[in-house]
Amino acid sequence: MVHHCDYKIRIEARTSIFEYIEVFYNRQRSHSVNGYEAPLVYESMQKVA
């Protein structure tokens, strides 16, 4: 996680922030396109239907 981390070089910070956004945040937050469902929930609903 990015919060309260000390990075020695910029690439460490960039990598950590990228991973947080792309791996955690974008998969957890709701999206209006998906009917305000999290992407993983929406995908699982599509597989069932």
Protein backbone atom coordinates (compact mmCIF):
# COMPACT_ATOMS: atom_id res chain seq x y z
CA MET A 1 0.00 0.00 0.00
CA VAL A 2 1.15 3.51 -0.70
CA HIS A 3 0.16 5.29 2.51
CA HIS A 4 2.96 5.85 5.05
CA CYS A 5 5.69 4.46 2.82
CA ASP A 6 9.14 5.92 2.41
CA TYR A 7 10.62 5.30 -1.00
CA LYS A 8 14.32 5.58 -1.73
CA ILE A 9 13.91 6.14 -5.45
CA ARG A 10 11.14 7.49 -7.67
CA ILE A 11 10.59 4.23 -9.56
CA GLU A 12 9.68 2.45 -6.30
CA ALA A 13 7.02 5.07 -5.60
CA ARG A 14 5.68 4.99 -9.15
CA THR A 15 5.48 1.19 -9.14
CA SER A 16 3.74 1.08 -5.78
CA ILE A 17 1.21 3.73 -6.77
CA PHE A 18 0.53 2.05 -10.11
CA GLU A 19 -0.04 -1.32 -8.43
CA TYR A 20 -2.39 0.24 -5.87
CA ILE A 21 -4.48 1.96 -8.54
CA GLU A 22 -4.56 -0.82 -11.13
CA VAL A 23 -4.57 -3.90 -8.92
CA PHE A 24 -6.59 -2.80 -5.89
CA TYR A 25 -8.48 0.46 -6.37
CA ASN A 26 -9.89 -0.02 -9.87
CA ARG A 27 -11.09 -3.52 -9.01
CA GLN A 28 -12.79 -2.45 -5.76
CA ARG A 29 -14.46 0.85 -6.56
CA SER A 30 -17.84 0.98 -8.24
CA HIS A 31 -18.19 2.17 -11.82
CA SER A 32 -21.25 3.89 -13.28
CA VAL A 33 -20.88 1.90 -16.51
CA ASN A 34 -21.34 -1.32 -14.49
CA GLY A 35 -24.47 -0.13 -12.70
CA TYR A 36 -22.28 1.02 -9.80
CA GLU A 37 -20.94 -2.45 -9.14
CA ALA A 38 -17.29 -3.23 -8.53
CA PRO A 39 -15.66 -4.66 -11.67
CA LEU A 40 -15.10 -8.11 -10.16
CA VAL A 41 -18.74 -8.32 -9.01
CA TYR A 42 -19.95 -7.17 -12.43
CA GLU A 43 -17.77 -9.73 -14.23
CA SER A 44 -19.02 -12.55 -12.03
CA MET A 45 -22.63 -11.49 -12.66
CA GLN A 46 -21.97 -11.53 -16.43
CA LYS A 47 -20.53 -15.06 -16.28
CA VAL A 48 -23.62 -16.36 -14.47
CA ALA A 49 -26.07 -14.70 -16.89
